[in-house]
Amino acid sequence: MLDDLITSKTRVKLLYILLNSPSEMYHVRELVRRSEEEINAVRRELLLLEKKGIVQKEQRANRVYCYLNKAYPFYFDLIRIYSKTMGLGGDIIKNKVKLGKIKYAMLSGKFVLRSKDNPEEVDLLVVGTVVLPELALLVRNEEAKRSQEINYTVMTEEEFNFRKKRRDPFISSIIYGSRVMLVGDELSMLS
C-alpha cells in the first residue's frame, strides 16, 4: 500500500490535495494548478489512483471531476495518516516536546473529515500538563489556514480520569466517538 503512495511525487501531491478536503470534488485543471505539476503527469496519476480505487471520476457536462472514493477499503486509514502528518495533527506531533507532557491528544473525526455540523463540538482534546501558549499558537495557525474557529479542550490527566470514571457525557462523547489519536495509547485511554 505505501509503495503505491510514495513512488511518485505527483501522486503524493494529489493525495495531499484530495485528503486536505476529503469531501471536495476537483476539476482536473484545478489539481494541475494546485499540484504545480504537468497536466499529463496529473492525468497519469489520477488514472492510476482510479484503477486502485482510491479516486473516483465524475463527468459533468464537458468537465471531469475527481474525488476520494469513500468506499476504498483504506479511505479512513489514509485520512488518519494525513491527519497525523499535516495540519494541526502534524504540528502537535512535531512539537510534542514544546507542548509539555501530553498523555493523550486526539482530533475529532468530524474535524478531520471537515464535516462538523455543530460549531460547539470539540475538535481537539489534549490531556496532560500542557504549555497552553504553545498549543494556542498551533491552533491559531491552523484556524488561519482553515478560516474557521477550532474548539479545543485541555485538561489534566487527573481531571480526565475523574470525569471518565464518572461517565461524564462530554468525555464519553469524545472518547467513544469518531477520533484520530495523535498522542497516546488508545487502549489505555479507554480502560
N, C-alpha and C. Protein backbone atom coordinates (compact mmCIF):
# COMPACT_ATOMS: atom_id res chain seq x y z
N MET A 1 0.82 -1.19 0.00
CA MET A 1 0.00 0.00 0.00
C MET A 1 0.86 1.26 0.00
N LEU A 2 1.83 1.37 0.92
CA LEU A 2 2.64 2.58 0.97
C LEU A 2 3.50 2.73 -0.27
N ASP A 3 3.91 1.61 -0.88
CA ASP A 3 4.67 1.70 -2.13
C ASP A 3 3.86 2.41 -3.20
N ASP A 4 2.54 2.19 -3.19
CA ASP A 4 1.67 2.87 -4.15
C ASP A 4 1.67 4.38 -3.91
N LEU A 5 1.86 4.77 -2.69
CA LEU A 5 1.75 6.18 -2.35
C LEU A 5 3.04 6.97 -2.54
N ILE A 6 4.19 6.33 -2.34
CA ILE A 6 5.43 7.11 -2.31
C ILE A 6 6.30 6.98 -3.55
N THR A 7 5.85 6.28 -4.54
CA THR A 7 6.68 6.11 -5.74
C THR A 7 6.68 7.33 -6.65
N SER A 8 5.75 8.24 -6.46
CA SER A 8 5.64 9.38 -7.36
C SER A 8 5.35 10.65 -6.56
N LYS A 9 6.13 11.69 -6.80
CA LYS A 9 5.89 12.96 -6.09
C LYS A 9 4.58 13.58 -6.54
N THR A 10 4.21 13.38 -7.80
CA THR A 10 2.93 13.91 -8.29
C THR A 10 1.78 13.23 -7.57
N ARG A 11 1.87 11.92 -7.40
CA ARG A 11 0.81 11.17 -6.71
C ARG A 11 0.67 11.63 -5.27
N VAL A 12 1.80 11.83 -4.61
CA VAL A 12 1.76 12.29 -3.22
C VAL A 12 1.11 13.67 -3.14
N LYS A 13 1.46 14.58 -4.05
CA LYS A 13 0.86 15.92 -4.06
C LYS A 13 -0.65 15.83 -4.27
N LEU A 14 -1.07 15.00 -5.21
CA LEU A 14 -2.50 14.85 -5.47
C LEU A 14 -3.23 14.30 -4.25
N LEU A 15 -2.63 13.31 -3.60
CA LEU A 15 -3.26 12.74 -2.41
C LEU A 15 -3.37 13.78 -1.30
N TYR A 16 -2.35 14.59 -1.12
CA TYR A 16 -2.42 15.63 -0.09
C TYR A 16 -3.52 16.63 -0.40
N ILE A 17 -3.68 17.00 -1.65
CA ILE A 17 -4.74 17.93 -2.03
C ILE A 17 -6.10 17.30 -1.75
N LEU A 18 -6.29 16.06 -2.18
CA LEU A 18 -7.57 15.38 -2.00
C LEU A 18 -7.86 15.10 -0.53
N LEU A 19 -6.84 14.73 0.25
CA LEU A 19 -7.04 14.41 1.66
C LEU A 19 -7.24 15.66 2.51
N ASN A 20 -6.77 16.79 2.04
CA ASN A 20 -6.95 18.03 2.79
C ASN A 20 -8.43 18.39 2.92
N SER A 21 -9.21 18.11 1.89
CA SER A 21 -10.67 18.32 1.92
C SER A 21 -11.31 17.08 1.32
N PRO A 22 -11.46 16.03 2.12
CA PRO A 22 -11.90 14.73 1.60
C PRO A 22 -13.27 14.70 0.95
N SER A 23 -14.12 15.66 1.23
CA SER A 23 -15.46 15.64 0.63
C SER A 23 -15.57 16.54 -0.61
N GLU A 24 -14.49 17.18 -1.00
CA GLU A 24 -14.49 18.08 -2.15
C GLU A 24 -14.29 17.33 -3.47
N MET A 25 -14.82 17.91 -4.54
CA MET A 25 -14.58 17.42 -5.89
C MET A 25 -13.68 18.43 -6.58
N TYR A 26 -12.72 17.96 -7.36
CA TYR A 26 -11.77 18.84 -8.01
C TYR A 26 -11.77 18.60 -9.52
N HIS A 27 -11.80 19.69 -10.27
CA HIS A 27 -11.64 19.62 -11.71
C HIS A 27 -10.17 19.29 -11.98
N VAL A 28 -9.88 18.55 -13.01
CA VAL A 28 -8.51 18.12 -13.31
C VAL A 28 -7.58 19.33 -13.43
N ARG A 29 -8.02 20.38 -14.08
CA ARG A 29 -7.16 21.58 -14.24
C ARG A 29 -6.85 22.23 -12.88
N GLU A 30 -7.80 22.16 -11.97
CA GLU A 30 -7.55 22.70 -10.63
C GLU A 30 -6.49 21.88 -9.91
N LEU A 31 -6.52 20.57 -10.08
CA LEU A 31 -5.50 19.71 -9.49
C LEU A 31 -4.13 20.00 -10.10
N VAL A 32 -4.10 20.28 -11.40
CA VAL A 32 -2.84 20.64 -12.07
C VAL A 32 -2.30 21.93 -11.46
N ARG A 33 -3.17 22.90 -11.31
CA ARG A 33 -2.76 24.21 -10.77
C ARG A 33 -2.27 24.07 -9.31
N ARG A 34 -3.01 23.35 -8.50
CA ARG A 34 -2.64 23.22 -7.08
C ARG A 34 -1.38 22.38 -6.88
N SER A 35 -1.23 21.35 -7.69
CA SER A 35 -0.05 20.47 -7.53
C SER A 35 1.20 21.05 -8.17
N GLU A 36 1.00 22.01 -9.08
CA GLU A 36 2.10 22.61 -9.83
C GLU A 36 2.89 21.55 -10.62
N GLU A 37 2.16 20.59 -11.16
CA GLU A 37 2.73 19.53 -11.99
C GLU A 37 2.16 19.62 -13.40
N GLU A 38 2.80 18.94 -14.33
CA GLU A 38 2.35 18.91 -15.72
C GLU A 38 1.02 18.17 -15.83
N ILE A 39 0.18 18.61 -16.75
CA ILE A 39 -1.15 18.01 -16.90
C ILE A 39 -1.07 16.51 -17.22
N ASN A 40 -0.13 16.11 -18.06
CA ASN A 40 -0.02 14.68 -18.40
C ASN A 40 0.37 13.85 -17.18
N ALA A 41 1.23 14.38 -16.33
CA ALA A 41 1.62 13.66 -15.11
C ALA A 41 0.43 13.53 -14.17
N VAL A 42 -0.35 14.59 -14.05
CA VAL A 42 -1.53 14.56 -13.19
C VAL A 42 -2.56 13.57 -13.73
N ARG A 43 -2.82 13.61 -15.02
CA ARG A 43 -3.77 12.66 -15.61
C ARG A 43 -3.33 11.22 -15.42
N ARG A 44 -2.04 10.96 -15.64
CA ARG A 44 -1.49 9.60 -15.48
C ARG A 44 -1.68 9.12 -14.03
N GLU A 45 -1.37 9.97 -13.06
CA GLU A 45 -1.51 9.57 -11.66
C GLU A 45 -2.97 9.42 -11.25
N LEU A 46 -3.84 10.28 -11.76
CA LEU A 46 -5.26 10.13 -11.46
C LEU A 46 -5.81 8.83 -12.03
N LEU A 47 -5.36 8.46 -13.21
CA LEU A 47 -5.77 7.20 -13.81
C LEU A 47 -5.33 6.02 -12.93
N LEU A 48 -4.10 6.07 -12.46
CA LEU A 48 -3.60 5.02 -11.58
C LEU A 48 -4.38 4.98 -10.27
N LEU A 49 -4.63 6.15 -9.66
CA LEU A 49 -5.39 6.20 -8.42
C LEU A 49 -6.82 5.71 -8.62
N GLU A 50 -7.37 5.95 -9.81
CA GLU A 50 -8.71 5.46 -10.11
C GLU A 50 -8.70 3.93 -10.25
N LYS A 51 -7.68 3.38 -10.93
CA LYS A 51 -7.58 1.92 -11.07
C LYS A 51 -7.43 1.23 -9.72
N LYS A 52 -6.71 1.88 -8.79
CA LYS A 52 -6.52 1.33 -7.44
C LYS A 52 -7.78 1.48 -6.59
N GLY A 53 -8.72 2.31 -7.05
CA GLY A 53 -9.97 2.51 -6.30
C GLY A 53 -9.90 3.64 -5.29
N ILE A 54 -8.82 4.40 -5.28
CA ILE A 54 -8.66 5.48 -4.31
C ILE A 54 -9.46 6.71 -4.74
N VAL A 55 -9.50 6.95 -6.03
CA VAL A 55 -10.16 8.13 -6.58
C VAL A 55 -11.28 7.71 -7.51
N GLN A 56 -12.33 8.49 -7.53
CA GLN A 56 -13.41 8.30 -8.49
C GLN A 56 -13.49 9.54 -9.36
N LYS A 57 -13.96 9.34 -10.58
CA LYS A 57 -14.14 10.46 -11.50
C LYS A 57 -15.61 10.58 -11.84
N GLU A 58 -16.01 11.81 -12.11
CA GLU A 58 -17.39 12.07 -12.48
C GLU A 58 -17.40 13.09 -13.60
N GLN A 59 -18.11 12.76 -14.66
CA GLN A 59 -18.24 13.66 -15.81
C GLN A 59 -19.42 14.59 -15.57
N ARG A 60 -19.19 15.88 -15.69
CA ARG A 60 -20.25 16.88 -15.60
C ARG A 60 -20.09 17.81 -16.78
N ALA A 61 -21.08 17.76 -17.67
CA ALA A 61 -21.02 18.50 -18.94
C ALA A 61 -19.75 18.08 -19.67
N ASN A 62 -18.85 18.99 -19.95
CA ASN A 62 -17.61 18.60 -20.65
C ASN A 62 -16.41 18.62 -19.70
N ARG A 63 -16.66 18.53 -18.41
CA ARG A 63 -15.58 18.55 -17.43
C ARG A 63 -15.53 17.25 -16.64
N VAL A 64 -14.32 16.87 -16.24
CA VAL A 64 -14.12 15.69 -15.41
C VAL A 64 -13.71 16.16 -14.02
N TYR A 65 -14.42 15.67 -13.01
CA TYR A 65 -14.12 15.98 -11.62
C TYR A 65 -13.65 14.73 -10.91
N CYS A 66 -12.72 14.91 -9.99
CA CYS A 66 -12.15 13.79 -9.23
C CYS A 66 -12.39 14.02 -7.74
N TYR A 67 -12.57 12.91 -7.03
CA TYR A 67 -12.75 12.98 -5.58
C TYR A 67 -12.35 11.65 -4.97
N LEU A 68 -12.11 11.68 -3.66
CA LEU A 68 -11.74 10.45 -2.96
C LEU A 68 -12.91 9.49 -2.91
N ASN A 69 -12.62 8.22 -3.11
CA ASN A 69 -13.63 7.17 -3.06
C ASN A 69 -13.83 6.74 -1.61
N LYS A 70 -14.97 7.08 -1.04
CA LYS A 70 -15.25 6.74 0.36
C LYS A 70 -15.40 5.24 0.57
N ALA A 71 -15.62 4.50 -0.51
CA ALA A 71 -15.75 3.04 -0.41
C ALA A 71 -14.39 2.33 -0.48
N TYR A 72 -13.33 3.08 -0.72
CA TYR A 72 -11.99 2.50 -0.76
C TYR A 72 -11.69 1.91 0.62
N PRO A 73 -11.23 0.64 0.68
CA PRO A 73 -11.04 -0.01 1.98
C PRO A 73 -10.09 0.72 2.95
N PHE A 74 -9.17 1.49 2.42
CA PHE A 74 -8.22 2.19 3.28
C PHE A 74 -8.49 3.70 3.34
N TYR A 75 -9.70 4.10 2.99
CA TYR A 75 -10.07 5.52 2.98
C TYR A 75 -9.78 6.18 4.33
N PHE A 76 -10.32 5.62 5.41
CA PHE A 76 -10.13 6.22 6.73
C PHE A 76 -8.69 6.11 7.20
N ASP A 77 -7.98 5.07 6.76
CA ASP A 77 -6.56 4.95 7.11
C ASP A 77 -5.76 6.07 6.44
N LEU A 78 -6.09 6.38 5.20
CA LEU A 78 -5.42 7.49 4.51
C LEU A 78 -5.71 8.82 5.22
N ILE A 79 -6.96 9.00 5.64
CA ILE A 79 -7.34 10.22 6.36
C ILE A 79 -6.54 10.32 7.66
N ARG A 80 -6.41 9.21 8.38
CA ARG A 80 -5.64 9.22 9.64
C ARG A 80 -4.18 9.54 9.39
N ILE A 81 -3.59 8.93 8.37
CA ILE A 81 -2.19 9.20 8.05
C ILE A 81 -2.03 10.69 7.72
N TYR A 82 -2.90 11.22 6.90
CA TYR A 82 -2.82 12.63 6.55
C TYR A 82 -2.96 13.51 7.81
N SER A 83 -3.91 13.17 8.68
CA SER A 83 -4.15 13.96 9.88
C SER A 83 -2.97 13.97 10.84
N LYS A 84 -2.18 12.91 10.79
CA LYS A 84 -1.03 12.81 11.69
C LYS A 84 0.24 13.40 11.08
N THR A 85 0.20 13.73 9.80
CA THR A 85 1.41 14.25 9.16
C THR A 85 1.27 15.70 8.71
N MET A 86 0.06 16.18 8.52
CA MET A 86 -0.16 17.53 8.01
C MET A 86 -1.10 18.28 8.95
N GLY A 87 -1.15 19.57 8.79
CA GLY A 87 -2.09 20.40 9.54
C GLY A 87 -1.84 20.38 11.03
N LEU A 88 -2.91 20.57 11.79
CA LEU A 88 -2.83 20.67 13.25
C LEU A 88 -2.28 19.39 13.87
N GLY A 89 -2.73 18.24 13.39
CA GLY A 89 -2.23 16.97 13.93
C GLY A 89 -0.74 16.80 13.75
N GLY A 90 -0.27 17.10 12.55
CA GLY A 90 1.17 17.02 12.27
C GLY A 90 1.96 17.99 13.12
N ASP A 91 1.40 19.21 13.31
CA ASP A 91 2.08 20.22 14.14
C ASP A 91 2.17 19.78 15.60
N ILE A 92 1.11 19.17 16.11
CA ILE A 92 1.12 18.70 17.50
C ILE A 92 2.15 17.60 17.67
N ILE A 93 2.21 16.67 16.74
CA ILE A 93 3.18 15.58 16.84
C ILE A 93 4.61 16.12 16.73
N LYS A 94 4.85 17.04 15.79
CA LYS A 94 6.20 17.60 15.60
C LYS A 94 6.64 18.42 16.81
N ASN A 95 5.71 19.10 17.46
CA ASN A 95 6.04 19.99 18.58
C ASN A 95 5.68 19.40 19.94
N LYS A 96 5.56 18.09 20.01
CA LYS A 96 5.13 17.42 21.24
C LYS A 96 5.98 17.82 22.44
N VAL A 97 7.29 17.90 22.26
CA VAL A 97 8.19 18.23 23.37
C VAL A 97 7.93 19.66 23.87
N LYS A 98 7.73 20.61 22.96
CA LYS A 98 7.46 22.00 23.32
C LYS A 98 6.13 22.16 24.04
N LEU A 99 5.20 21.26 23.77
CA LEU A 99 3.85 21.38 24.31
C LEU A 99 3.71 20.87 25.75
N GLY A 100 4.74 20.29 26.31
CA GLY A 100 4.68 19.80 27.68
C GLY A 100 4.64 18.29 27.72
N LYS A 101 4.01 17.76 28.75
CA LYS A 101 3.88 16.31 28.92
C LYS A 101 2.46 15.90 28.55
N ILE A 102 2.30 15.53 27.30
CA ILE A 102 0.98 15.16 26.79
C ILE A 102 0.79 13.65 26.97
N LYS A 103 -0.29 13.30 27.63
CA LYS A 103 -0.65 11.89 27.79
C LYS A 103 -1.49 11.43 26.59
N TYR A 104 -2.48 12.24 26.22
CA TYR A 104 -3.34 11.94 25.08
C TYR A 104 -3.61 13.23 24.29
N ALA A 105 -3.66 13.08 22.99
CA ALA A 105 -4.12 14.17 22.12
C ALA A 105 -4.89 13.52 20.98
N MET A 106 -6.08 14.04 20.70
CA MET A 106 -6.90 13.45 19.66
C MET A 106 -7.71 14.51 18.94
N LEU A 107 -7.91 14.29 17.65
CA LEU A 107 -8.78 15.13 16.83
C LEU A 107 -10.10 14.41 16.62
N SER A 108 -11.19 15.15 16.59
CA SER A 108 -12.48 14.51 16.33
C SER A 108 -12.55 14.08 14.88
N GLY A 109 -13.27 13.00 14.63
CA GLY A 109 -13.44 12.51 13.27
C GLY A 109 -14.10 13.53 12.36
N LYS A 110 -15.08 14.27 12.89
CA LYS A 110 -15.77 15.27 12.08
C LYS A 110 -14.83 16.41 11.70
N PHE A 111 -13.91 16.78 12.60
CA PHE A 111 -12.94 17.83 12.29
C PHE A 111 -12.02 17.36 11.17
N VAL A 112 -11.56 16.13 11.27
CA VAL A 112 -10.64 15.57 10.27
C VAL A 112 -11.31 15.48 8.91
N LEU A 113 -12.57 15.08 8.89
CA LEU A 113 -13.31 14.94 7.63
C LEU A 113 -13.93 16.26 7.16
N ARG A 114 -13.77 17.29 7.97
CA ARG A 114 -14.34 18.62 7.67
C ARG A 114 -15.84 18.55 7.47
N SER A 115 -16.50 17.79 8.34
CA SER A 115 -17.95 17.64 8.21
C SER A 115 -18.66 17.98 9.53
N LYS A 116 -18.16 18.98 10.20
CA LYS A 116 -18.70 19.35 11.50
C LYS A 116 -20.06 20.02 11.34
N ASP A 117 -21.09 19.49 12.05
CA ASP A 117 -22.44 20.06 12.00
C ASP A 117 -22.60 21.15 13.06
N ASN A 118 -22.13 20.84 14.24
CA ASN A 118 -22.34 21.70 15.40
C ASN A 118 -21.06 22.47 15.72
N PRO A 119 -21.10 23.79 15.66
CA PRO A 119 -19.89 24.57 15.93
C PRO A 119 -19.41 24.45 17.38
N GLU A 120 -20.26 23.90 18.26
CA GLU A 120 -19.90 23.75 19.68
C GLU A 120 -19.11 22.46 19.95
N GLU A 121 -19.07 21.54 18.98
CA GLU A 121 -18.35 20.28 19.19
C GLU A 121 -16.86 20.53 19.35
N VAL A 122 -16.23 19.69 20.17
CA VAL A 122 -14.80 19.82 20.40
C VAL A 122 -14.04 19.16 19.24
N ASP A 123 -13.09 19.90 18.68
CA ASP A 123 -12.29 19.42 17.57
C ASP A 123 -11.02 18.72 18.06
N LEU A 124 -10.49 19.18 19.17
CA LEU A 124 -9.21 18.69 19.69
C LEU A 124 -9.31 18.56 21.20
N LEU A 125 -8.87 17.42 21.72
CA LEU A 125 -8.76 17.21 23.17
C LEU A 125 -7.32 16.88 23.47
N VAL A 126 -6.74 17.61 24.42
CA VAL A 126 -5.36 17.35 24.85
C VAL A 126 -5.39 17.12 26.35
N VAL A 127 -4.80 16.01 26.78
CA VAL A 127 -4.76 15.63 28.19
C VAL A 127 -3.31 15.58 28.64
N GLY A 128 -3.03 16.22 29.76
CA GLY A 128 -1.68 16.21 30.31
C GLY A 128 -1.32 17.55 30.90
N THR A 129 -0.04 17.75 31.12
CA THR A 129 0.48 19.04 31.58
C THR A 129 0.93 19.78 30.33
N VAL A 130 0.12 20.72 29.88
CA VAL A 130 0.29 21.34 28.57
C VAL A 130 0.74 22.80 28.70
N VAL A 131 1.67 23.20 27.86
CA VAL A 131 2.09 24.60 27.75
C VAL A 131 1.05 25.28 26.85
N LEU A 132 0.11 25.94 27.49
CA LEU A 132 -1.04 26.49 26.76
C LEU A 132 -0.67 27.51 25.68
N PRO A 133 0.27 28.44 25.91
CA PRO A 133 0.60 29.38 24.83
C PRO A 133 1.13 28.70 23.57
N GLU A 134 1.90 27.63 23.74
CA GLU A 134 2.42 26.89 22.57
C GLU A 134 1.28 26.22 21.81
N LEU A 135 0.37 25.59 22.54
CA LEU A 135 -0.77 24.94 21.89
C LEU A 135 -1.66 25.98 21.21
N ALA A 136 -1.91 27.10 21.89
CA ALA A 136 -2.75 28.16 21.32
C ALA A 136 -2.16 28.69 20.01
N LEU A 137 -0.85 28.79 19.94
CA LEU A 137 -0.19 29.25 18.72
C LEU A 137 -0.43 28.28 17.56
N LEU A 138 -0.30 26.98 17.82
CA LEU A 138 -0.55 25.98 16.79
C LEU A 138 -2.01 26.03 16.32
N VAL A 139 -2.92 26.18 17.27
CA VAL A 139 -4.34 26.23 16.94
C VAL A 139 -4.64 27.48 16.11
N ARG A 140 -4.11 28.62 16.51
CA ARG A 140 -4.34 29.87 15.75
C ARG A 140 -3.83 29.75 14.32
N ASN A 141 -2.66 29.14 14.15
CA ASN A 141 -2.11 28.96 12.80
C ASN A 141 -3.04 28.11 11.94
N GLU A 142 -3.57 27.04 12.51
CA GLU A 142 -4.50 26.18 11.76
C GLU A 142 -5.82 26.90 11.49
N GLU A 143 -6.29 27.68 12.45
CA GLU A 143 -7.51 28.46 12.24
C GLU A 143 -7.35 29.41 11.06
N ALA A 144 -6.18 30.02 10.97
CA ALA A 144 -5.92 30.95 9.86
C ALA A 144 -5.93 30.21 8.52
N LYS A 145 -5.35 29.00 8.49
CA LYS A 145 -5.33 28.22 7.25
C LYS A 145 -6.74 27.79 6.84
N ARG A 146 -7.54 27.38 7.81
CA ARG A 146 -8.88 26.87 7.52
C ARG A 146 -9.95 27.96 7.45
N SER A 147 -9.63 29.13 7.93
CA SER A 147 -10.59 30.24 8.03
C SER A 147 -11.82 29.83 8.84
N GLN A 148 -11.57 29.15 9.94
CA GLN A 148 -12.65 28.77 10.84
C GLN A 148 -12.08 28.55 12.24
N GLU A 149 -12.94 28.73 13.22
CA GLU A 149 -12.53 28.56 14.61
C GLU A 149 -12.39 27.08 14.94
N ILE A 150 -11.40 26.76 15.76
CA ILE A 150 -11.18 25.39 16.21
C ILE A 150 -11.47 25.34 17.71
N ASN A 151 -12.39 24.47 18.09
CA ASN A 151 -12.72 24.30 19.50
C ASN A 151 -11.81 23.23 20.09
N TYR A 152 -11.10 23.60 21.15
CA TYR A 152 -10.23 22.62 21.78
C TYR A 152 -10.36 22.69 23.29
N THR A 153 -10.10 21.55 23.91
CA THR A 153 -10.18 21.43 25.36
C THR A 153 -8.88 20.83 25.86
N VAL A 154 -8.38 21.40 26.94
CA VAL A 154 -7.17 20.90 27.58
C VAL A 154 -7.53 20.57 29.02
N MET A 155 -7.10 19.42 29.48
CA MET A 155 -7.32 19.06 30.89
C MET A 155 -6.18 18.20 31.40
N THR A 156 -6.06 18.18 32.72
CA THR A 156 -5.02 17.37 33.34
C THR A 156 -5.43 15.90 33.26
N GLU A 157 -4.47 15.04 33.46
CA GLU A 157 -4.76 13.61 33.44
C GLU A 157 -5.71 13.24 34.58
N GLU A 158 -5.53 13.88 35.73
CA GLU A 158 -6.40 13.60 36.89
C GLU A 158 -7.85 13.96 36.58
N GLU A 159 -8.05 15.15 36.01
CA GLU A 159 -9.40 15.57 35.67
C GLU A 159 -10.01 14.65 34.62
N PHE A 160 -9.23 14.28 33.62
CA PHE A 160 -9.71 13.38 32.58
C PHE A 160 -10.15 12.05 33.18
N ASN A 161 -9.30 11.45 34.03
CA ASN A 161 -9.63 10.16 34.64
C ASN A 161 -10.84 10.27 35.55
N PHE A 162 -10.93 11.35 36.32
CA PHE A 162 -12.08 11.57 37.21
C PHE A 162 -13.37 11.65 36.39
N ARG A 163 -13.34 12.46 35.34
CA ARG A 163 -14.54 12.63 34.52
C ARG A 163 -14.89 11.35 33.76
N LYS A 164 -13.87 10.60 33.37
CA LYS A 164 -14.12 9.33 32.67
C LYS A 164 -14.78 8.33 33.62
N LYS A 165 -14.29 8.24 34.87
CA LYS A 165 -14.88 7.33 35.86
C LYS A 165 -16.32 7.70 36.18
N ARG A 166 -16.62 8.98 36.18
CA ARG A 166 -17.97 9.47 36.46
C ARG A 166 -18.88 9.37 35.23
N ARG A 167 -18.33 8.87 34.14
CA ARG A 167 -19.06 8.75 32.88
C ARG A 167 -19.64 10.09 32.43
N ASP A 168 -18.80 11.10 32.54
CA ASP A 168 -19.17 12.45 32.12
C ASP A 168 -19.57 12.40 30.64
N PRO A 169 -20.75 12.91 30.29
CA PRO A 169 -21.22 12.84 28.90
C PRO A 169 -20.27 13.53 27.92
N PHE A 170 -19.65 14.63 28.34
CA PHE A 170 -18.71 15.34 27.47
C PHE A 170 -17.53 14.45 27.11
N ILE A 171 -16.91 13.84 28.11
CA ILE A 171 -15.75 12.97 27.89
C ILE A 171 -16.17 11.72 27.12
N SER A 172 -17.30 11.14 27.47
CA SER A 172 -17.77 9.93 26.77
C SER A 172 -18.01 10.19 25.30
N SER A 173 -18.59 11.34 24.97
CA SER A 173 -18.85 11.66 23.57
C SER A 173 -17.56 11.77 22.77
N ILE A 174 -16.49 12.23 23.42
CA ILE A 174 -15.21 12.37 22.74
C ILE A 174 -14.51 11.03 22.59
N ILE A 175 -14.38 10.29 23.70
CA ILE A 175 -13.56 9.07 23.63
C ILE A 175 -14.27 7.91 22.95
N TYR A 176 -15.60 7.94 22.92
CA TYR A 176 -16.30 6.85 22.25
C TYR A 176 -16.79 7.26 20.86
N GLY A 177 -16.53 8.49 20.48
CA GLY A 177 -16.91 8.96 19.16
C GLY A 177 -15.79 8.72 18.16
N SER A 178 -16.02 9.14 16.95
CA SER A 178 -15.02 9.02 15.89
C SER A 178 -13.89 9.99 16.20
N ARG A 179 -12.64 9.49 16.17
CA ARG A 179 -11.49 10.33 16.51
C ARG A 179 -10.23 9.79 15.87
N VAL A 180 -9.21 10.63 15.83
CA VAL A 180 -7.88 10.23 15.38
C VAL A 180 -6.93 10.52 16.53
N MET A 181 -6.32 9.47 17.06
CA MET A 181 -5.36 9.63 18.16
C MET A 181 -4.05 10.16 17.59
N LEU A 182 -3.57 11.25 18.16
CA LEU A 182 -2.29 11.83 17.76
C LEU A 182 -1.18 11.40 18.72
N VAL A 183 -1.49 11.43 20.00
CA VAL A 183 -0.53 11.06 21.04
C VAL A 183 -1.25 10.16 22.03
N GLY A 184 -0.57 9.10 22.46
CA GLY A 184 -1.11 8.23 23.49
C GLY A 184 -1.65 6.93 22.94
N ASP A 185 -1.87 6.02 23.86
CA ASP A 185 -2.35 4.69 23.56
C ASP A 185 -3.88 4.66 23.70
N GLU A 186 -4.52 4.31 22.62
CA GLU A 186 -5.98 4.30 22.60
C GLU A 186 -6.58 3.31 23.62
N LEU A 187 -5.95 2.14 23.76
CA LEU A 187 -6.49 1.15 24.69
C LEU A 187 -6.39 1.61 26.13
N SER A 188 -5.26 2.21 26.52
CA SER A 188 -5.14 2.67 27.91
C SER A 188 -6.08 3.85 28.17
N MET A 189 -6.36 4.64 27.16
CA MET A 189 -7.28 5.75 27.33
C MET A 189 -8.68 5.25 27.62
N LEU A 190 -9.07 4.17 26.97
CA LEU A 190 -10.44 3.65 27.13
C LEU A 190 -10.62 2.86 28.42
N SER A 191 -9.53 2.32 28.96
CA SER A 191 -9.67 1.48 30.17
C SER A 191 -9.74 2.29 31.43
